Amino acid sequence: MENSKAPHNKKPDPERMAILRSLPIEIKQQISGEEAEAFLYKKELPDSLLEKLKGYLVED
């Protein structure tokens, strides 16, 4: 059975890890493990995470 958690052969993006760590505590407490994983491993971000981070993200 395949594990849906973080890929075993990949490490989280260090820049994205720093971004998550720098967020205010009240935002970090709202982010689920699945949302954090998507952000850290550059997966498609769930709409729920985009909504939580809308004041912190800049669109390309």
PDB file of N, CA and C in Angstrom:
ATOM      1  N   MET A   1       0.845  -1.175   0.000  1.00  0.00           N
ATOM      2  CA  MET A   1       0.000   0.000   0.000  1.00  0.00           C
ATOM      3  C   MET A   1       0.889   1.235   0.000  1.00  0.00           C
ATOM      4  N   GLU A   2       0.642   2.167  -0.908  1.00  0.00           N
ATOM      5  CA  GLU A   2       1.461   3.351  -1.042  1.00  0.00           C
ATOM      6  C   GLU A   2       1.091   4.380   0.013  1.00  0.00           C
ATOM      7  N   ASN A   3       2.109   4.978   0.607  1.00  0.00           N
ATOM      8  CA  ASN A   3       1.902   5.993   1.631  1.00  0.00           C
ATOM      9  C   ASN A   3       1.634   7.330   0.959  1.00  0.00           C
ATOM     10  N   SER A   4       0.583   8.031   1.366  1.00  0.00           N
ATOM     11  CA  SER A   4       0.242   9.306   0.750  1.00  0.00           C
ATOM     12  C   SER A   4       0.981  10.472   1.408  1.00  0.00           C
ATOM     13  N   LYS A   5       1.833  10.194   2.354  1.00  0.00           N
ATOM     14  CA  LYS A   5       2.598  11.240   3.028  1.00  0.00           C
ATOM     15  C   LYS A   5       3.733  11.711   2.124  1.00  0.00           C
ATOM     16  N   ALA A   6       4.619  12.510   2.679  1.00  0.00           N
ATOM     17  CA  ALA A   6       5.716  13.089   1.919  1.00  0.00           C
ATOM     18  C   ALA A   6       6.508  12.011   1.182  1.00  0.00           C
ATOM     19  N   PRO A   7       6.942  12.336  -0.027  1.00  0.00           N
ATOM     20  CA  PRO A   7       7.743  11.372  -0.788  1.00  0.00           C
ATOM     21  C   PRO A   7       9.033  11.031  -0.047  1.00  0.00           C
ATOM     22  N   HIS A   8       9.384   9.764  -0.039  1.00  0.00           N
ATOM     23  CA  HIS A   8      10.558   9.315   0.708  1.00  0.00           C
ATOM     24  C   HIS A   8      11.855   9.801   0.091  1.00  0.00           C
ATOM     25  N   ASN A   9      11.884  10.000  -1.204  1.00  0.00           N
ATOM     26  CA  ASN A   9      13.120  10.383  -1.870  1.00  0.00           C
ATOM     27  C   ASN A   9      13.250  11.888  -2.062  1.00  0.00           C
ATOM     28  N   LYS A  10      12.322  12.666  -1.538  1.00  0.00           N
ATOM     29  CA  LYS A  10      12.380  14.109  -1.692  1.00  0.00           C
ATOM     30  C   LYS A  10      12.401  14.775  -0.330  1.00  0.00           C
ATOM     31  N   LYS A  11      13.062  15.916  -0.284  1.00  0.00           N
ATOM     32  CA  LYS A  11      13.077  16.722   0.933  1.00  0.00           C
ATOM     33  C   LYS A  11      12.211  17.945   0.692  1.00  0.00           C
ATOM     34  N   PRO A  12      11.634  18.480   1.756  1.00  0.00           N
ATOM     35  CA  PRO A  12      10.827  19.685   1.568  1.00  0.00           C
ATOM     36  C   PRO A  12      11.694  20.846   1.081  1.00  0.00           C
ATOM     37  N   ASP A  13      11.091  21.737   0.332  1.00  0.00           N
ATOM     38  CA  ASP A  13      11.784  22.917  -0.180  1.00  0.00           C
ATOM     39  C   ASP A  13      12.181  23.801   1.011  1.00  0.00           C
ATOM     40  N   PRO A  14      13.483  24.085   1.188  1.00  0.00           N
ATOM     41  CA  PRO A  14      13.929  24.866   2.348  1.00  0.00           C
ATOM     42  C   PRO A  14      13.346  26.280   2.381  1.00  0.00           C
ATOM     43  N   GLU A  15      13.182  26.905   1.213  1.00  0.00           N
ATOM     44  CA  GLU A  15      12.606  28.251   1.174  1.00  0.00           C
ATOM     45  C   GLU A  15      11.154  28.228   1.635  1.00  0.00           C
ATOM     46  N   ARG A  16      10.427  27.211   1.190  1.00  0.00           N
ATOM     47  CA  ARG A  16       9.027  27.104   1.587  1.00  0.00           C
ATOM     48  C   ARG A  16       8.903  26.751   3.071  1.00  0.00           C
ATOM     49  N   MET A  17       9.846  25.966   3.579  1.00  0.00           N
ATOM     50  CA  MET A  17       9.854  25.646   5.004  1.00  0.00           C
ATOM     51  C   MET A  17      10.044  26.934   5.810  1.00  0.00           C
ATOM     52  N   ALA A  18      10.960  27.776   5.370  1.00  0.00           N
ATOM     53  CA  ALA A  18      11.209  29.045   6.054  1.00  0.00           C
ATOM     54  C   ALA A  18       9.970  29.940   6.009  1.00  0.00           C
ATOM     55  N   ILE A  19       9.271  29.929   4.885  1.00  0.00           N
ATOM     56  CA  ILE A  19       8.048  30.726   4.755  1.00  0.00           C
ATOM     57  C   ILE A  19       7.006  30.251   5.755  1.00  0.00           C
ATOM     58  N   LEU A  20       6.786  28.938   5.819  1.00  0.00           N
ATOM     59  CA  LEU A  20       5.799  28.413   6.770  1.00  0.00           C
ATOM     60  C   LEU A  20       6.179  28.772   8.202  1.00  0.00           C
ATOM     61  N   ARG A  21       7.439  28.658   8.524  1.00  0.00           N
ATOM     62  CA  ARG A  21       7.892  28.961   9.891  1.00  0.00           C
ATOM     63  C   ARG A  21       7.720  30.438  10.233  1.00  0.00           C
ATOM     64  N   SER A  22       7.780  31.314   9.222  1.00  0.00           N
ATOM     65  CA  SER A  22       7.699  32.750   9.475  1.00  0.00           C
ATOM     66  C   SER A  22       6.260  33.269   9.592  1.00  0.00           C
ATOM     67  N   LEU A  23       5.289  32.430   9.279  1.00  0.00           N
ATOM     68  CA  LEU A  23       3.891  32.856   9.368  1.00  0.00           C
ATOM     69  C   LEU A  23       3.483  33.083  10.819  1.00  0.00           C
ATOM     70  N   PRO A  24       2.535  33.985  11.023  1.00  0.00           N
ATOM     71  CA  PRO A  24       2.015  34.184  12.391  1.00  0.00           C
ATOM     72  C   PRO A  24       1.428  32.880  12.931  1.00  0.00           C
ATOM     73  N   ILE A  25       1.540  32.694  14.227  1.00  0.00           N
ATOM     74  CA  ILE A  25       1.093  31.452  14.875  1.00  0.00           C
ATOM     75  C   ILE A  25      -0.376  31.161  14.586  1.00  0.00           C
ATOM     76  N   GLU A  26      -1.210  32.204  14.538  1.00  0.00           N
ATOM     77  CA  GLU A  26      -2.634  31.950  14.307  1.00  0.00           C
ATOM     78  C   GLU A  26      -2.898  31.402  12.901  1.00  0.00           C
ATOM     79  N   ILE A  27      -2.051  31.729  11.941  1.00  0.00           N
ATOM     80  CA  ILE A  27      -2.181  31.164  10.590  1.00  0.00           C
ATOM     81  C   ILE A  27      -1.653  29.732  10.586  1.00  0.00           C
ATOM     82  N   LYS A  28      -0.487  29.510  11.206  1.00  0.00           N
ATOM     83  CA  LYS A  28       0.096  28.161  11.247  1.00  0.00           C
ATOM     84  C   LYS A  28      -0.850  27.163  11.902  1.00  0.00           C
ATOM     85  N   GLN A  29      -1.577  27.580  12.906  1.00  0.00           N
ATOM     86  CA  GLN A  29      -2.491  26.680  13.606  1.00  0.00           C
ATOM     87  C   GLN A  29      -3.670  26.265  12.726  1.00  0.00           C
ATOM     88  N   GLN A  30      -3.968  27.051  11.707  1.00  0.00           N
ATOM     89  CA  GLN A  30      -5.092  26.754  10.816  1.00  0.00           C
ATOM     90  C   GLN A  30      -4.713  25.820   9.667  1.00  0.00           C
ATOM     91  N   ILE A  31      -3.424  25.675   9.404  1.00  0.00           N
ATOM     92  CA  ILE A  31      -2.958  24.898   8.252  1.00  0.00           C
ATOM     93  C   ILE A  31      -2.911  23.415   8.616  1.00  0.00           C
ATOM     94  N   SER A  32      -3.582  22.597   7.803  1.00  0.00           N
ATOM     95  CA  SER A  32      -3.597  21.152   8.047  1.00  0.00           C
ATOM     96  C   SER A  32      -2.290  20.527   7.556  1.00  0.00           C
ATOM     97  N   GLY A  33      -2.047  19.309   7.969  1.00  0.00           N
ATOM     98  CA  GLY A  33      -0.861  18.583   7.513  1.00  0.00           C
ATOM     99  C   GLY A  33      -0.849  18.393   6.009  1.00  0.00           C
ATOM    100  N   GLU A  34      -2.025  18.111   5.441  1.00  0.00           N
ATOM    101  CA  GLU A  34      -2.132  17.934   3.992  1.00  0.00           C
ATOM    102  C   GLU A  34      -1.808  19.241   3.256  1.00  0.00           C
ATOM    103  N   GLU A  35      -2.277  20.351   3.782  1.00  0.00           N
ATOM    104  CA  GLU A  35      -1.998  21.649   3.165  1.00  0.00           C
ATOM    105  C   GLU A  35      -0.512  21.980   3.258  1.00  0.00           C
ATOM    106  N   ALA A  36       0.078  21.736   4.417  1.00  0.00           N
ATOM    107  CA  ALA A  36       1.504  22.002   4.604  1.00  0.00           C
ATOM    108  C   ALA A  36       2.342  21.134   3.670  1.00  0.00           C
ATOM    109  N   GLU A  37       1.974  19.878   3.540  1.00  0.00           N
ATOM    110  CA  GLU A  37       2.702  18.974   2.641  1.00  0.00           C
ATOM    111  C   GLU A  37       2.644  19.465   1.199  1.00  0.00           C
ATOM    112  N   ALA A  38       1.475  19.876   0.756  1.00  0.00           N
ATOM    113  CA  ALA A  38       1.328  20.384  -0.610  1.00  0.00           C
ATOM    114  C   ALA A  38       2.232  21.593  -0.825  1.00  0.00           C
ATOM    115  N   PHE A  39       2.278  22.483   0.146  1.00  0.00           N
ATOM    116  CA  PHE A  39       3.110  23.678   0.037  1.00  0.00           C
ATOM    117  C   PHE A  39       4.591  23.315   0.031  1.00  0.00           C
ATOM    118  N   LEU A  40       5.006  22.479   0.961  1.00  0.00           N
ATOM    119  CA  LEU A  40       6.422  22.147   1.108  1.00  0.00           C
ATOM    120  C   LEU A  40       6.982  21.338  -0.050  1.00  0.00           C
ATOM    121  N   TYR A  41       6.158  20.514  -0.662  1.00  0.00           N
ATOM    122  CA  TYR A  41       6.622  19.640  -1.746  1.00  0.00           C
ATOM    123  C   TYR A  41       6.179  20.115  -3.117  1.00  0.00           C
ATOM    124  N   LYS A  42       5.763  21.392  -3.190  1.00  0.00           N
ATOM    125  CA  LYS A  42       5.415  22.041  -4.464  1.00  0.00           C
ATOM    126  C   LYS A  42       4.347  21.288  -5.245  1.00  0.00           C
ATOM    127  N   LYS A  43       3.346  20.789  -4.512  1.00  0.00           N
ATOM    128  CA  LYS A  43       2.201  20.154  -5.148  1.00  0.00           C
ATOM    129  C   LYS A  43       1.154  21.235  -5.423  1.00  0.00           C
ATOM    130  N   GLU A  44       0.098  20.857  -6.109  1.00  0.00           N
ATOM    131  CA  GLU A  44      -0.982  21.808  -6.339  1.00  0.00           C
ATOM    132  C   GLU A  44      -1.578  22.186  -4.984  1.00  0.00           C
ATOM    133  N   LEU A  45      -1.678  23.489  -4.750  1.00  0.00           N
ATOM    134  CA  LEU A  45      -2.158  23.959  -3.460  1.00  0.00           C
ATOM    135  C   LEU A  45      -3.672  23.891  -3.382  1.00  0.00           C
ATOM    136  N   PRO A  46      -4.194  23.338  -2.295  1.00  0.00           N
ATOM    137  CA  PRO A  46      -5.641  23.283  -2.123  1.00  0.00           C
ATOM    138  C   PRO A  46      -6.212  24.700  -1.988  1.00  0.00           C
ATOM    139  N   ASP A  47      -7.434  24.894  -2.463  1.00  0.00           N
ATOM    140  CA  ASP A  47      -8.089  26.190  -2.351  1.00  0.00           C
ATOM    141  C   ASP A  47      -8.163  26.654  -0.903  1.00  0.00           C
ATOM    142  N   SER A  48      -8.333  25.710   0.026  1.00  0.00           N
ATOM    143  CA  SER A  48      -8.420  26.061   1.439  1.00  0.00           C
ATOM    144  C   SER A  48      -7.121  26.716   1.929  1.00  0.00           C
ATOM    145  N   LEU A  49      -5.984  26.233   1.442  1.00  0.00           N
ATOM    146  CA  LEU A  49      -4.703  26.818   1.838  1.00  0.00           C
ATOM    147  C   LEU A  49      -4.524  28.184   1.182  1.00  0.00           C
ATOM    148  N   LEU A  50      -4.896  28.292  -0.068  1.00  0.00           N
ATOM    149  CA  LEU A  50      -4.789  29.578  -0.757  1.00  0.00           C
ATOM    150  C   LEU A  50      -5.610  30.645  -0.040  1.00  0.00           C
ATOM    151  N   GLU A  51      -6.769  30.259   0.435  1.00  0.00           N
ATOM    152  CA  GLU A  51      -7.622  31.196   1.171  1.00  0.00           C
ATOM    153  C   GLU A  51      -6.937  31.632   2.470  1.00  0.00           C
ATOM    154  N   LYS A  52      -6.325  30.706   3.176  1.00  0.00           N
ATOM    155  CA  LYS A  52      -5.652  31.021   4.443  1.00  0.00           C
ATOM    156  C   LYS A  52      -4.433  31.912   4.230  1.00  0.00           C
ATOM    157  N   LEU A  53      -3.770  31.746   3.083  1.00  0.00           N
ATOM    158  CA  LEU A  53      -2.534  32.477   2.822  1.00  0.00           C
ATOM    159  C   LEU A  53      -2.697  33.684   1.910  1.00  0.00           C
ATOM    160  N   LYS A  54      -3.945  34.011   1.552  1.00  0.00           N
ATOM    161  CA  LYS A  54      -4.163  35.065   0.544  1.00  0.00           C
ATOM    162  C   LYS A  54      -3.508  36.395   0.883  1.00  0.00           C
ATOM    163  N   GLY A  55      -3.347  36.724   2.144  1.00  0.00           N
ATOM    164  CA  GLY A  55      -2.692  37.966   2.520  1.00  0.00           C
ATOM    165  C   GLY A  55      -1.183  37.891   2.501  1.00  0.00           C
ATOM    166  N   TYR A  56      -0.643  36.696   2.237  1.00  0.00           N
ATOM    167  CA  TYR A  56       0.803  36.481   2.287  1.00  0.00           C
ATOM    168  C   TYR A  56       1.399  36.056   0.950  1.00  0.00           C
ATOM    169  N   LEU A  57       0.560  35.736  -0.031  1.00  0.00           N
ATOM    170  CA  LEU A  57       1.050  35.267  -1.321  1.00  0.00           C
ATOM    171  C   LEU A  57       1.022  36.378  -2.366  1.00  0.00           C
ATOM    172  N   VAL A  58       1.977  36.318  -3.276  1.00  0.00           N
ATOM    173  CA  VAL A  58       2.028  37.241  -4.398  1.00  0.00           C
ATOM    174  C   VAL A  58       1.885  36.409  -5.658  1.00  0.00           C
ATOM    175  N   GLU A  59       0.943  36.775  -6.511  1.00  0.00           N
ATOM    176  CA  GLU A  59       0.738  36.013  -7.755  1.00  0.00           C
ATOM    177  C   GLU A  59       1.813  36.351  -8.767  1.00  0.00           C
ATOM    178  N   ASP A  60       2.222  35.317  -9.528  1.00  0.00           N
ATOM    179  CA  ASP A  60       3.196  35.520 -10.611  1.00  0.00           C
ATOM    180  C   ASP A  60       2.509  36.043 -11.832  1.00  0.00           C
TER     181      ASP A  60
END
